[in-house]
Amino acid sequence: MRRTNNQDSHYEVPAASSRNWQTNGHLFIVADGMGAHAAGEYASGLATETIAQSYLRRSGEAPHEAVKNAILEAHALIRQKGAEDAAFHDMGTTADVLLLLPEGALVGHVGDSRVYRLRDHVYEQLTFDHSLLWEITRSGRIAKEKYPSQIPKNVITRSLGPVQRLTVDLEGPFPIQAGDTFLLCSDGLSGQIEDDEMGQILSLFSPAEAAEALVNIANMRGGPDNITVIIANVLGQPEIDDSRRIQKKEKRRPLSAAGLTTIIASLTLWFLFLVLAVTRTGSFLGIALSALAAAAASAAALRVNRKTFFSQAKPLTTTPFGRGPYVRVNAEPAREFAEKLIVSEQELFKVVERHSSEVKDDPGGKFAELHQRCIHGMSTGQYGEAIFAVVRLINMLMAKIKEDRPKAA
């Protein structure tokens, strides 16, 4: 509502075949650029295109390495372009990459754009904001609710471009199941809509209608920044090819004092057994007992030192990268959100009504029907029904405003 140009960019590469699905998965990218004039727009576009192309070229690498290296390649290119042209000096961009793979959802992340997952009315933020607020909160020096209001909350601490060395956060892979919904967005959305509100919208609408509603609500609340949102819904249970699953080797432990003691004891007992067996000193029972003692000591040595002697690659069954989710909220339809939307819709309706005879006349009774459905939902405690109806009204009214905007101009 306030920006004259769009510094956000997005890119989607859904797998075109089963083979593509097994090797590359579905790829989604959101970037939010920064820089004077057109620099931010250029940086974000360069990032999304470079990341997508670089990732797809890296089919021989493990997915987590491929996505990290793709982001670093985009970072290097943005720095190069900034050095070549003074107009693009110090331009930068956030970057969020979501890979939906057979083994799970993998995220590559830099900046304060976000990736979320909705499952069974639980809405989770899978990424950590690289912002001053989140970094100070993580340090433990100050609680989030006590953050000084005079310090800006939109200052980011990490982005592609400005810094020489960039650290890319990897999160996941998070398990995927049918019905999961993933959302990527720039802070133009997350800065205007609360997490639980996003989750409620996602739980009630198809991806296309939810995306429209989220953008409309963010604009109704002021729209101070560009708004970009991608929504991906999982329709079926992924098929897993075990030969391509992300693997991680266990680190070998250094030899401990206890481990060294068991090794020495084992070797000593085997030496004693060999001496008794070769020289045939002592009874048969004594030789047999020494052999059993040596075998027991060897078994103990292997058990104690198994992570020193052996390092086996195993398919990951738990989250190997990052510490996400970082936020988890209940996304059940709530009365409070329904009431807020109703107030906003009533204000919007008055604005549109002054300029549109179609809204006044209500052809087909669509507006009246949705109003009645909203009232019924609120009076019976069916807040999901009320939210569904009022959001439909908001989308219709915002569509009318967009339709009439050229006429007004």
Protein backbone atom coordinates (compact mmCIF):
# COMPACT_ATOMS: atom_id res chain seq x y z
CA MET A 1 0.00 0.00 0.00
CA ARG A 2 2.96 2.36 0.54
CA ARG A 3 5.86 1.09 -1.63
CA THR A 4 6.28 2.35 -5.17
CA ASN A 5 8.26 -0.73 -6.25
CA ASN A 6 8.31 -4.37 -5.22
CA GLN A 7 11.58 -5.56 -3.68
CA ASP A 8 10.26 -9.07 -3.00
CA SER A 9 10.84 -12.01 -5.32
CA HIS A 10 9.66 -15.61 -5.37
CA TYR A 11 10.43 -18.75 -7.37
CA GLU A 12 8.78 -22.17 -7.55
CA VAL A 13 10.03 -25.34 -9.24
CA PRO A 14 7.57 -28.18 -8.57
CA ALA A 15 8.88 -31.61 -9.52
CA ALA A 16 7.68 -32.46 -13.03
CA SER A 17 8.01 -36.23 -12.65
CA SER A 18 8.47 -39.00 -10.11
CA ARG A 19 12.18 -39.08 -10.94
CA ASN A 20 12.49 -35.30 -10.31
CA TRP A 21 10.63 -35.77 -7.05
CA GLN A 22 13.10 -38.40 -5.85
CA THR A 23 16.18 -36.40 -6.87
CA ASN A 24 15.29 -32.71 -6.37
CA GLY A 25 11.90 -32.59 -4.65
CA HIS A 26 9.67 -29.51 -4.89
CA LEU A 27 11.54 -26.19 -4.60
CA PHE A 28 10.08 -22.93 -3.24
CA ILE A 29 11.97 -19.66 -2.65
CA VAL A 30 11.04 -16.26 -1.16
CA ALA A 31 13.44 -13.29 -1.00
CA ASP A 32 13.02 -9.75 0.36
CA GLY A 33 15.53 -7.30 -1.10
CA MET A 34 17.01 -4.14 0.37
CA GLY A 35 18.91 -1.24 -1.18
CA ALA A 36 18.34 2.18 -2.69
CA HIS A 37 16.34 2.67 -5.90
CA ALA A 38 16.04 -0.67 -7.74
CA ALA A 39 18.92 -2.38 -5.92
CA GLY A 40 16.72 -4.40 -3.54
CA GLU A 41 14.48 -5.56 -6.36
CA TYR A 42 17.54 -6.60 -8.38
CA ALA A 43 19.15 -8.42 -5.43
CA SER A 44 16.07 -10.46 -4.56
CA GLY A 45 15.45 -11.42 -8.19
CA LEU A 46 19.08 -12.39 -8.65
CA ALA A 47 18.94 -14.48 -5.48
CA THR A 48 15.81 -16.47 -6.32
CA GLU A 49 16.86 -17.21 -9.90
CA THR A 50 20.45 -18.12 -8.99
CA ILE A 51 19.46 -20.33 -6.06
CA ALA A 52 16.95 -22.26 -8.17
CA GLN A 53 19.32 -22.82 -11.09
CA SER A 54 22.29 -23.64 -8.87
CA TYR A 55 20.32 -26.12 -6.76
CA LEU A 56 19.02 -27.98 -9.81
CA ARG A 57 22.55 -28.25 -11.21
CA ARG A 58 23.79 -29.88 -7.99
CA SER A 59 21.95 -33.19 -8.33
CA GLY A 60 25.09 -35.10 -7.34
CA GLU A 61 25.22 -33.43 -3.91
CA ALA A 62 23.17 -34.27 -0.84
CA PRO A 63 20.14 -31.94 -0.72
CA HIS A 64 21.32 -30.05 2.37
CA GLU A 65 24.71 -29.39 0.80
CA ALA A 66 23.14 -28.46 -2.54
CA VAL A 67 20.77 -25.88 -1.07
CA LYS A 68 23.46 -24.36 1.17
CA ASN A 69 25.92 -24.08 -1.70
CA ALA A 70 23.23 -22.62 -3.96
CA ILE A 71 22.52 -19.85 -1.44
CA LEU A 72 26.25 -19.15 -1.05
CA GLU A 73 26.61 -18.97 -4.85
CA ALA A 74 23.81 -16.39 -5.00
CA HIS A 75 25.49 -14.45 -2.18
CA ALA A 76 28.80 -14.34 -4.07
CA LEU A 77 27.07 -13.18 -7.27
CA ILE A 78 25.21 -10.38 -5.46
CA ARG A 79 28.49 -9.18 -3.94
CA GLN A 80 30.15 -9.28 -7.36
CA LYS A 81 27.37 -7.23 -8.98
CA GLY A 82 27.51 -4.75 -6.11
CA ALA A 83 31.25 -4.29 -6.59
CA GLU A 84 30.89 -3.77 -10.35
CA ASP A 85 28.19 -1.06 -10.20
CA ALA A 86 28.05 1.75 -7.61
CA ALA A 87 24.24 1.86 -7.95
CA PHE A 88 24.08 -1.65 -6.47
CA HIS A 89 26.68 -1.15 -3.75
CA ASP A 90 25.69 -2.81 -0.44
CA MET A 91 22.46 -4.21 -1.88
CA GLY A 92 21.22 -7.29 -0.09
CA THR A 93 18.33 -9.69 0.31
CA THR A 94 16.89 -12.30 2.61
CA ALA A 95 16.41 -15.80 1.26
CA ASP A 96 14.20 -18.66 2.39
CA VAL A 97 14.32 -21.95 0.51
CA LEU A 98 11.89 -24.80 1.20
CA LEU A 99 12.57 -28.23 -0.26
CA LEU A 100 9.81 -30.81 0.00
CA LEU A 101 11.70 -34.09 -0.38
CA PRO A 102 10.80 -37.77 0.07
CA GLU A 103 12.74 -37.74 3.36
CA GLY A 104 11.09 -34.59 4.69
CA ALA A 105 10.95 -30.78 4.47
CA LEU A 106 14.37 -29.14 4.39
CA VAL A 107 14.85 -25.38 4.84
CA GLY A 108 17.74 -23.08 3.91
CA HIS A 109 17.41 -19.69 5.60
CA VAL A 110 19.07 -16.25 5.78
CA GLY A 111 17.32 -13.13 7.12
CA ASP A 112 13.87 -12.51 8.59
CA SER A 113 11.59 -13.95 5.93
CA ARG A 114 9.92 -17.05 7.33
CA VAL A 115 8.87 -20.64 6.70
CA TYR A 116 5.93 -22.15 8.61
CA ARG A 117 4.18 -25.52 8.83
CA LEU A 118 0.54 -26.14 9.77
CA ARG A 119 -0.42 -29.61 11.00
CA ASP A 120 -3.65 -30.47 12.83
CA HIS A 121 -4.30 -26.85 13.93
CA VAL A 122 -0.73 -26.46 15.24
CA TYR A 123 1.17 -23.68 13.45
CA GLU A 124 4.97 -23.75 13.73
CA GLN A 125 7.68 -21.33 12.63
CA LEU A 126 10.50 -23.48 11.28
CA THR A 127 13.02 -20.63 10.87
CA PHE A 128 14.88 -18.37 13.30
CA ASP A 129 14.64 -14.65 12.48
CA HIS A 130 18.07 -13.14 11.89
CA SER A 131 16.91 -9.88 13.45
CA LEU A 132 18.18 -7.73 16.29
CA LEU A 133 15.14 -8.63 18.42
CA TRP A 134 15.53 -12.39 18.02
CA GLU A 135 19.32 -12.33 18.45
CA ILE A 136 19.10 -10.31 21.68
CA THR A 137 16.34 -12.58 22.96
CA ARG A 138 18.40 -15.69 22.16
CA SER A 139 21.39 -14.25 24.01
CA GLY A 140 19.30 -14.18 27.19
CA ARG A 141 20.21 -10.56 27.93
CA ILE A 142 16.62 -9.36 27.70
CA ALA A 143 13.18 -10.96 27.48
CA LYS A 144 11.21 -10.41 24.27
CA GLU A 145 8.31 -8.74 26.09
CA LYS A 146 10.74 -6.25 27.71
CA TYR A 147 12.40 -5.23 24.43
CA PRO A 148 12.89 -1.42 24.41
CA SER A 149 10.34 0.17 22.07
CA GLN A 150 12.80 2.79 20.83
CA ILE A 151 15.03 0.14 19.25
CA PRO A 152 13.73 -0.81 15.75
CA LYS A 153 12.45 -4.35 15.46
CA ASN A 154 12.97 -4.66 11.71
CA VAL A 155 16.78 -4.50 11.81
CA ILE A 156 18.16 -7.73 10.35
CA THR A 157 21.53 -9.18 11.31
CA ARG A 158 22.18 -11.44 8.33
CA SER A 159 21.49 -11.20 4.60
CA LEU A 160 22.92 -12.14 1.21
CA GLY A 161 25.22 -9.46 -0.18
CA PRO A 162 26.56 -7.01 2.40
CA VAL A 163 28.87 -9.30 4.40
CA GLN A 164 31.89 -11.13 3.03
CA ARG A 165 31.30 -14.41 4.85
CA LEU A 166 27.76 -15.69 5.13
CA THR A 167 26.41 -18.41 7.41
CA VAL A 168 23.38 -20.26 6.05
CA ASP A 169 20.96 -21.82 8.54
CA LEU A 170 19.70 -25.30 7.68
CA GLU A 171 16.58 -26.63 9.36
CA GLY A 172 15.12 -30.14 9.12
CA PRO A 173 14.33 -32.37 7.43
CA PHE A 174 10.95 -32.16 9.16
CA PRO A 175 8.62 -35.15 8.67
CA ILE A 176 5.92 -34.71 6.02
CA GLN A 177 2.47 -36.23 6.08
CA ALA A 178 -0.70 -35.81 4.05
CA GLY A 179 -2.58 -32.67 5.08
CA ASP A 180 0.50 -30.65 6.05
CA THR A 181 0.54 -27.08 4.78
CA PHE A 182 3.76 -25.08 4.40
CA LEU A 183 3.92 -21.29 4.06
CA LEU A 184 6.83 -19.07 3.02
CA CYS A 185 6.52 -15.30 3.37
CA SER A 186 8.36 -12.01 3.51
CA ASP A 187 8.00 -9.85 6.62
CA GLY A 188 5.39 -7.77 4.83
CA LEU A 189 3.01 -10.56 5.83
CA SER A 190 4.40 -11.70 9.19
CA GLY A 191 4.77 -8.10 10.36
CA GLN A 192 1.02 -7.46 9.98
CA ILE A 193 -0.60 -10.81 10.80
CA GLU A 194 -0.04 -12.85 13.96
CA ASP A 195 1.10 -16.46 13.68
CA ASP A 196 -2.12 -17.92 15.08
CA GLU A 197 -4.15 -15.78 12.65
CA MET A 198 -2.15 -17.10 9.69
CA GLY A 199 -2.71 -20.64 10.91
CA GLN A 200 -6.46 -20.13 11.20
CA ILE A 201 -6.68 -18.83 7.63
CA LEU A 202 -4.60 -21.75 6.31
CA SER A 203 -6.77 -24.28 8.11
CA LEU A 204 -10.00 -22.95 6.58
CA PHE A 205 -9.15 -22.20 2.94
CA SER A 206 -7.51 -23.68 -0.11
CA PRO A 207 -3.94 -22.45 -0.74
CA ALA A 208 -5.03 -20.03 -3.49
CA GLU A 209 -7.84 -18.46 -1.45
CA ALA A 210 -5.73 -18.40 1.72
CA ALA A 211 -2.90 -16.57 -0.09
CA GLU A 212 -5.37 -13.99 -1.40
CA ALA A 213 -6.90 -13.53 2.05
CA LEU A 214 -3.56 -13.14 3.83
CA VAL A 215 -2.35 -10.49 1.39
CA ASN A 216 -5.69 -8.65 1.62
CA ILE A 217 -5.69 -8.65 5.45
CA ALA A 218 -2.08 -7.44 5.60
CA ASN A 219 -2.98 -4.59 3.22
CA MET A 220 -6.10 -3.74 5.23
CA ARG A 221 -3.85 -3.34 8.27
CA GLY A 222 -1.72 -0.74 6.54
CA GLY A 223 0.40 -2.72 4.08
CA PRO A 224 3.64 -0.85 4.93
CA ASP A 225 5.84 -3.32 3.07
CA ASN A 226 5.76 -5.60 0.05
CA ILE A 227 3.88 -8.82 0.75
CA THR A 228 4.84 -12.19 -0.73
CA VAL A 229 3.42 -15.55 0.26
CA ILE A 230 3.77 -19.09 -1.09
CA ILE A 231 1.53 -21.87 0.23
CA ALA A 232 2.20 -25.55 -0.47
CA ASN A 233 -0.25 -28.24 0.59
CA VAL A 234 0.81 -31.89 0.91
CA LEU A 235 -1.83 -34.04 -0.79
CA GLY A 236 -0.43 -37.53 -0.17
CA GLN A 237 2.11 -39.47 1.85
CA PRO A 238 5.56 -39.14 0.22
CA GLU A 239 7.21 -42.23 -1.24
CA ILE A 240 10.70 -42.67 0.20
CA ASP A 241 13.64 -44.06 -1.77
CA ASP A 242 15.98 -45.22 1.01
CA SER A 243 19.01 -45.08 -1.29
CA ARG A 244 18.66 -41.28 -1.56
CA ARG A 245 17.82 -40.39 2.01
CA ILE A 246 19.92 -37.73 3.71
CA GLN A 247 22.61 -39.46 5.72
CA LYS A 248 24.83 -38.27 8.52
CA LYS A 249 27.83 -40.08 9.95
CA GLU A 250 28.21 -40.41 13.67
CA LYS A 251 31.37 -38.71 14.89
CA ARG A 252 34.05 -40.99 16.29
CA ARG A 253 34.71 -40.44 19.96
CA PRO A 254 38.29 -40.02 21.18
CA LEU A 255 39.71 -42.93 23.18
CA SER A 256 38.79 -42.50 26.86
CA ALA A 257 40.68 -43.72 29.95
CA ALA A 258 38.00 -46.38 30.55
CA GLY A 259 38.27 -47.47 26.94
CA LEU A 260 42.05 -47.75 27.14
CA THR A 261 41.77 -49.81 30.35
CA THR A 262 39.39 -52.32 28.72
CA ILE A 263 41.71 -52.69 25.73
CA ILE A 264 44.77 -53.32 27.94
CA ALA A 265 42.84 -55.82 30.06
CA SER A 266 41.63 -57.65 26.97
CA LEU A 267 45.10 -57.87 25.44
CA THR A 268 46.61 -59.01 28.76
CA LEU A 269 44.10 -61.84 29.16
CA TRP A 270 44.58 -63.00 25.57
CA PHE A 271 48.36 -63.00 26.12
CA LEU A 272 47.89 -65.10 29.28
CA PHE A 273 45.69 -67.54 27.38
CA LEU A 274 48.26 -67.90 24.58
CA VAL A 275 51.07 -68.54 27.10
CA LEU A 276 49.03 -71.22 28.89
CA ALA A 277 47.91 -72.80 25.62
CA VAL A 278 51.36 -72.89 24.00
CA THR A 279 53.34 -73.99 27.06
CA ARG A 280 50.44 -76.23 28.25
CA THR A 281 51.06 -75.16 31.81
CA GLY A 282 48.13 -75.56 34.13
CA SER A 283 45.06 -77.69 33.73
CA PHE A 284 42.66 -77.81 30.79
CA LEU A 285 40.05 -76.06 32.94
CA GLY A 286 42.45 -73.21 33.67
CA ILE A 287 43.21 -72.71 29.96
CA ALA A 288 39.48 -72.75 29.12
CA LEU A 289 38.69 -70.24 31.85
CA SER A 290 41.46 -67.92 30.64
CA ALA A 291 40.02 -68.07 27.10
CA LEU A 292 36.54 -67.20 28.39
CA ALA A 293 37.94 -64.32 30.44
CA ALA A 294 39.83 -62.98 27.42
CA ALA A 295 36.70 -63.21 25.22
CA ALA A 296 34.60 -61.42 27.86
CA ALA A 297 37.21 -58.68 28.16
CA SER A 298 37.26 -58.26 24.34
CA ALA A 299 33.47 -57.97 24.24
CA ALA A 300 33.60 -55.32 26.97
CA ALA A 301 36.31 -53.41 25.10
CA LEU A 302 34.24 -53.40 21.88
CA ARG A 303 31.15 -52.24 23.73
CA VAL A 304 32.91 -49.42 25.54
CA ASN A 305 34.81 -48.28 22.43
CA ARG A 306 32.16 -48.90 19.74
CA LYS A 307 31.91 -45.19 18.87
CA THR A 308 35.70 -44.92 18.78
CA PHE A 309 36.31 -47.88 16.48
CA PHE A 310 33.20 -47.62 14.28
CA SER A 311 31.44 -44.76 12.45
CA GLN A 312 28.40 -45.92 10.52
CA ALA A 313 26.27 -43.78 8.21
CA LYS A 314 22.61 -44.08 9.16
CA PRO A 315 19.46 -42.60 7.59
CA LEU A 316 18.30 -39.67 9.70
CA THR A 317 15.09 -40.30 11.62
CA THR A 318 15.30 -37.11 13.74
CA THR A 319 15.98 -33.49 12.91
CA PRO A 320 19.68 -33.28 12.05
CA PHE A 321 19.97 -29.56 11.30
CA GLY A 322 18.92 -26.55 13.34
CA ARG A 323 16.68 -26.34 16.38
CA GLY A 324 13.33 -25.58 14.79
CA PRO A 325 10.44 -25.22 15.24
CA TYR A 326 11.10 -21.95 17.11
CA VAL A 327 7.48 -20.91 17.63
CA ARG A 328 4.45 -23.16 18.07
CA VAL A 329 0.90 -21.76 18.40
CA ASN A 330 -2.64 -23.10 18.45
CA ALA A 331 -4.44 -22.32 15.19
CA GLU A 332 -7.96 -23.41 16.17
CA PRO A 333 -10.55 -20.87 14.95
CA ALA A 334 -10.94 -18.27 17.72
CA ARG A 335 -13.62 -15.73 18.61
CA GLU A 336 -11.08 -12.91 19.05
CA PHE A 337 -9.80 -13.20 15.49
CA ALA A 338 -13.33 -13.45 14.10
CA GLU A 339 -14.32 -10.24 15.93
CA LYS A 340 -11.28 -8.35 14.61
CA LEU A 341 -12.06 -9.42 11.05
CA ILE A 342 -15.71 -8.43 11.37
CA VAL A 343 -14.77 -4.89 12.46
CA SER A 344 -12.31 -4.59 9.54
CA GLU A 345 -14.86 -5.94 7.06
CA GLN A 346 -17.52 -3.47 8.23
CA GLU A 347 -15.14 -0.54 7.74
CA LEU A 348 -14.14 -1.85 4.32
CA PHE A 349 -17.77 -2.37 3.30
CA LYS A 350 -18.58 1.30 4.05
CA VAL A 351 -15.69 2.46 1.88
CA VAL A 352 -16.69 0.25 -1.07
CA GLU A 353 -20.39 0.99 -0.66
CA ARG A 354 -19.83 4.71 -1.31
CA HIS A 355 -18.39 4.01 -4.75
CA SER A 356 -20.02 0.79 -5.97
CA SER A 357 -23.66 0.36 -6.92
CA GLU A 358 -23.02 -3.38 -7.27
CA VAL A 359 -22.33 -3.67 -3.54
CA LYS A 360 -25.39 -1.59 -2.68
CA ASP A 361 -27.67 -3.63 -4.91
CA ASP A 362 -26.01 -6.95 -3.94
CA PRO A 363 -26.88 -8.90 -7.08
CA GLY A 364 -27.57 -12.53 -6.27
CA GLY A 365 -27.61 -11.76 -2.56
CA LYS A 366 -23.99 -12.95 -2.13
CA PHE A 367 -23.05 -10.32 0.44
CA ALA A 368 -26.25 -10.82 2.47
CA GLU A 369 -25.77 -14.59 2.47
CA LEU A 370 -22.21 -14.33 3.77
CA HIS A 371 -23.23 -11.77 6.40
CA GLN A 372 -25.92 -14.14 7.67
CA ARG A 373 -23.47 -17.03 7.73
CA CYS A 374 -21.05 -14.92 9.75
CA ILE A 375 -23.74 -13.91 12.25
CA HIS A 376 -24.85 -17.53 12.63
CA GLY A 377 -21.30 -18.70 13.26
CA MET A 378 -20.70 -16.08 15.95
CA SER A 379 -24.01 -16.72 17.72
CA THR A 380 -23.52 -20.51 17.79
CA GLY A 381 -19.82 -20.51 18.70
CA GLN A 382 -18.82 -21.91 15.30
CA TYR A 383 -15.98 -19.44 14.85
CA GLY A 384 -14.50 -21.28 11.90
CA GLU A 385 -17.72 -20.71 9.98
CA ALA A 386 -17.74 -17.03 10.97
CA ILE A 387 -14.12 -16.51 9.93
CA PHE A 388 -14.72 -18.34 6.65
CA ALA A 389 -17.67 -16.11 5.80
CA VAL A 390 -16.08 -12.79 6.77
CA VAL A 391 -12.84 -13.59 4.93
CA ARG A 392 -14.86 -14.42 1.81
CA LEU A 393 -16.51 -10.99 2.19
CA ILE A 394 -13.13 -9.29 2.58
CA ASN A 395 -11.76 -10.99 -0.53
CA MET A 396 -14.81 -9.95 -2.54
CA LEU A 397 -14.61 -6.34 -1.34
CA MET A 398 -10.85 -6.08 -1.95
CA ALA A 399 -11.36 -7.52 -5.44
CA LYS A 400 -13.93 -4.77 -6.07
CA ILE A 401 -11.48 -2.11 -4.90
CA LYS A 402 -8.78 -3.43 -7.25
CA GLU A 403 -11.31 -3.56 -10.08
CA ASP A 404 -12.39 0.05 -9.51
CA ARG A 405 -8.89 1.43 -8.91
CA PRO A 406 -8.19 2.18 -12.62
CA LYS A 407 -11.53 4.02 -12.84
CA ALA A 408 -10.70 6.09 -9.77
CA ALA A 409 -7.28 6.96 -11.18
